[in-house]
Amino acid sequence: MKRFLLAFLIIFVLASPITTFADVLFDPENQFYTEHSDKCVYLGRSFYTNGANGSVSVKNAPDLKSELYRTENNEIVYIEFSCLYDGEYWGLIPYNPSFGIEKSGWVRMDELLVLYDYVSFEEEYIDEFYQYKGDYKEIKEAKSAIVWSWPGSGNARYTLNDMAIEQVHVSYAFKDEQGREWGFVPYLYGDRNFWICISDPVNRDIPAFKPASEPVKWKTDTIHTEIEKTDNSMIIIIAVLVGALVLGTAVLIKVIWKPQKESMKKED
């Protein structure tokens, strides 16, 4: 029994870095993106469709006349990347079968309205941001923290557990009019770009002093946190880690089962 427990712990340790390294942003499966990736910028934002004729055309590539499908106005779409092509900005809707999107496609950005989000909040309050120099004392003592879309959103999304708290890193902070200190977390365990209230981490009833405003036209000069794309070196690292896991597992199986086989022979 002890051998099995030891094996499980070692395999868990070997597998942990794979999860960490694998949780990165991979290139979408779209030919136009592949050919123009150097001109594409990561957005990762949600928009309302707002076409002049009541719907929006989604194409496999901006340079094609044919369309994949049309989306009625006032539908929410997620734009992963934007690209300036032939004087117009286009946005890529990624493949997502969970939401009925069977193939990635491009839509003109001027036919969309961006929903208020953490980027919108940054645009309004970036002059009030400052470098966080605290020691995370409040959230460490609470061993928990509420995740918010932005300070004052009124949208308490979920709660971080004590294990996640140990990995929290605040890139910059903000104080609201009531003196509450908020911290922006660019990444944690697969989630990106959220806020926590450092001075009152577990209070789900913080008033919505900054609710979302109406959707507006997207601005191409938006300031926001960039997320780096993966490259070949990252893929190699992942492959090496997977190989190490497989090899380590094989060695453990041999180590565990060999004594058992010898014990069985003795019994015979």
Foldseek 3Di string as FASTA:
>chain_A
DVLVVVLVVVLCVLCVVLLVLVLAAADAPAPQCVVVVVQKAFDFFKWWFADPVQWWFWDSHPPDPDGPDIGGTRDIFTFGIWGQDPNFIKTKGGDDVVVPRNHITITTLQRIFTWDFLLNVCVVCVVQKAADDDDLVQCQVVQKFFKARDPLQLCRPDMDGNVQSVVFDFGIWGADPVRFIKGWGQDTSNDGTIITGSVDGPDSPDHNPDHIDDTHRDDPPGDDDGGDYDDPVSVVVSVVSVVVSVVSSVVSVCVVCVVVVVVVVVVD
